[in-house]
């Protein structure tokens, strides 16, 4: 079996080495970060590109942070929309909590806004209406 690899930038967080060893994901590098987590580009055992969100180290031991991540995963799994990435894997019960989603190449939202400016409010409204309608239909009983 091939040894899991991590990029030089990804090696800074020892949890990434553990994740690679235990899950078989090859961490390729950091994509971005938010208030709760850091997102890395990786490849699964079949060579498919994926994105892995790992809780920030400073909140990784907080059960409330893991609970919030679990709620995020549950909500995202309810949405059936071709414009929302699918969740492929998740580990939510440990301080090494992570979520794996499809990787869609393209600019980050921050980069897109920086390059092209913010979306017109009417465009945001239309996106919300489409997503809201699809989400409501996908979660309706039946």
Protein backbone atom coordinates (compact mmCIF):
# COMPACT_ATOMS: atom_id res chain seq x y z
CA UNK A 1 0.00 0.00 0.00
CA UNK A 2 1.32 3.44 -0.93
CA UNK A 3 2.18 5.79 1.90
CA UNK A 4 -0.20 8.73 2.21
CA UNK A 5 1.41 12.02 1.26
CA UNK A 6 0.79 15.56 2.34
CA UNK A 7 2.04 18.75 0.74
CA UNK A 8 4.62 20.86 2.55
CA UNK A 9 2.04 23.52 3.48
CA UNK A 10 -0.38 20.89 4.77
CA UNK A 11 2.24 19.31 7.05
CA UNK A 12 2.05 22.22 9.47
CA UNK A 13 -1.03 20.75 11.16
CA UNK A 14 -0.24 17.26 12.50
CA UNK A 15 -3.95 16.38 12.28
CA UNK A 16 -3.57 16.36 8.49
CA UNK A 17 -0.93 13.66 8.69
CA UNK A 18 -3.22 11.60 10.91
CA UNK A 19 -6.14 12.20 8.53
CA UNK A 20 -4.06 11.09 5.55
CA UNK A 21 -2.79 7.99 7.33
CA UNK A 22 -6.18 6.92 8.70
CA UNK A 23 -8.41 7.83 5.75
CA UNK A 24 -6.19 7.49 2.71
CA UNK A 25 -6.81 11.05 1.52
CA UNK A 26 -3.76 12.69 -0.02
CA UNK A 27 -3.68 16.30 1.13
CA UNK A 28 -2.55 18.52 -1.77
CA UNK A 29 -2.76 21.95 -0.19
CA UNK A 30 -4.85 24.59 1.49
CA UNK A 31 -7.73 26.15 -0.45
CA UNK A 32 -9.04 28.61 2.12
CA UNK A 33 -10.36 29.18 5.60
CA UNK A 34 -13.41 30.49 7.41
CA UNK A 35 -14.48 31.13 10.96
CA UNK A 36 -14.91 27.44 11.79
CA UNK A 37 -12.58 25.55 9.54
CA UNK A 38 -9.78 25.31 7.06
CA UNK A 39 -10.42 23.74 3.67
CA UNK A 40 -7.85 21.62 1.86
CA UNK A 41 -7.77 20.16 -1.61
CA UNK A 42 -7.07 16.45 -1.54
CA UNK A 43 -7.41 13.24 -3.53
CA UNK A 44 -9.25 10.15 -2.40
CA UNK A 45 -7.90 6.61 -2.79
CA UNK A 46 -9.33 6.46 -6.35
CA UNK A 47 -7.55 9.66 -7.39
CA UNK A 48 -10.68 11.85 -7.35
CA UNK A 49 -10.26 15.46 -6.30
CA UNK A 50 -12.09 16.31 -3.08
CA UNK A 51 -12.25 19.19 -0.61
CA UNK A 52 -11.73 18.50 3.09
CA UNK A 53 -12.95 20.91 5.75
CA UNK A 54 -11.14 20.43 9.05
CA UNK A 55 -12.19 22.31 12.17
CA UNK A 56 -9.73 25.01 13.18
CA UNK A 57 -7.22 23.65 15.68
CA UNK A 58 -8.22 26.16 18.39
CA UNK A 59 -11.85 24.95 18.40
CA UNK A 60 -11.36 21.30 17.48
CA UNK A 61 -11.84 20.10 21.08
CA UNK A 62 -15.02 22.14 21.58
CA UNK A 63 -18.09 19.85 21.46
CA UNK A 64 -20.21 22.85 20.39
CA UNK A 65 -18.02 23.36 17.32
CA UNK A 66 -18.41 19.70 16.35
CA UNK A 67 -22.17 19.95 16.95
CA UNK A 68 -22.34 23.00 14.70
CA UNK A 69 -20.36 21.17 12.03
CA UNK A 70 -22.75 18.21 12.35
CA UNK A 71 -25.74 20.55 11.84
CA UNK A 72 -24.02 22.02 8.78
CA UNK A 73 -23.51 18.52 7.35
CA UNK A 74 -27.13 17.52 8.04
CA UNK A 75 -28.45 20.68 6.40
CA UNK A 76 -26.19 20.29 3.37
CA UNK A 77 -27.21 16.64 2.93
CA UNK A 78 -30.88 17.70 2.76
CA UNK A 79 -30.31 19.99 -0.22
CA UNK A 80 -30.67 18.26 -3.58
CA UNK A 81 -29.27 20.71 -6.08
CA UNK A 82 -26.70 20.37 -8.84
CA UNK A 83 -25.18 23.67 -7.72
CA UNK A 84 -24.35 22.43 -4.21
CA UNK A 85 -21.41 20.10 -3.65
CA UNK A 86 -22.23 16.65 -2.31
CA UNK A 87 -20.86 15.45 0.99
CA UNK A 88 -18.82 12.31 0.41
CA UNK A 89 -17.50 11.54 3.89
CA UNK A 90 -17.54 12.98 7.39
CA UNK A 91 -16.10 12.29 10.83
CA UNK A 92 -17.81 14.44 13.42
CA UNK A 93 -17.20 12.77 16.78
CA UNK A 94 -13.53 13.48 17.41
CA UNK A 95 -11.28 16.51 17.77
CA UNK A 96 -10.08 15.60 14.25
CA UNK A 97 -13.60 16.29 12.90
CA UNK A 98 -13.73 16.80 9.14
CA UNK A 99 -16.10 16.85 6.19
CA UNK A 100 -15.21 15.72 2.67
CA UNK A 101 -17.09 17.15 -0.30
CA UNK A 102 -16.75 17.08 -4.04
CA UNK A 103 -14.08 19.47 -5.29
CA UNK A 104 -15.29 21.92 -7.90
CA UNK A 105 -12.46 23.88 -9.53
CA UNK A 106 -12.90 27.61 -9.76
CA UNK A 107 -12.30 30.80 -7.86
CA UNK A 108 -13.31 31.18 -4.25
CA UNK A 109 -16.24 33.48 -3.57
CA UNK A 110 -13.77 35.98 -2.11
CA UNK A 111 -11.63 35.88 -5.29
CA UNK A 112 -14.68 36.20 -7.55
CA UNK A 113 -15.98 39.25 -5.64
CA UNK A 114 -12.51 40.78 -5.62
CA UNK A 115 -12.14 40.27 -9.39
CA UNK A 116 -15.67 41.06 -10.55
CA UNK A 117 -17.31 42.93 -7.71
CA UNK A 118 -20.30 41.85 -5.65
CA UNK A 119 -23.39 40.32 -7.19
CA UNK A 120 -26.25 42.64 -7.99
CA UNK A 121 -28.96 42.33 -5.28
CA UNK A 122 -31.45 41.07 -7.85
CA UNK A 123 -29.07 38.23 -8.83
CA UNK A 124 -28.68 37.28 -5.15
CA UNK A 125 -32.49 37.32 -4.79
CA UNK A 126 -32.92 35.04 -7.82
CA UNK A 127 -30.32 32.59 -6.53
CA UNK A 128 -32.05 32.56 -3.14
CA UNK A 129 -35.44 31.91 -4.72
CA UNK A 130 -34.12 29.03 -6.82
CA UNK A 131 -32.19 27.49 -3.94
CA UNK A 132 -35.01 28.03 -1.46
CA UNK A 133 -37.56 26.42 -3.75
CA UNK A 134 -35.38 23.41 -4.46
CA UNK A 135 -34.43 23.02 -0.82
CA UNK A 136 -38.06 23.20 0.30
CA UNK A 137 -39.08 20.56 -2.25
CA UNK A 138 -36.18 18.28 -1.34
CA UNK A 139 -36.98 18.31 2.38
CA UNK A 140 -40.74 18.02 2.09
CA UNK A 141 -42.17 14.76 3.41
CA UNK A 142 -43.25 12.30 0.85
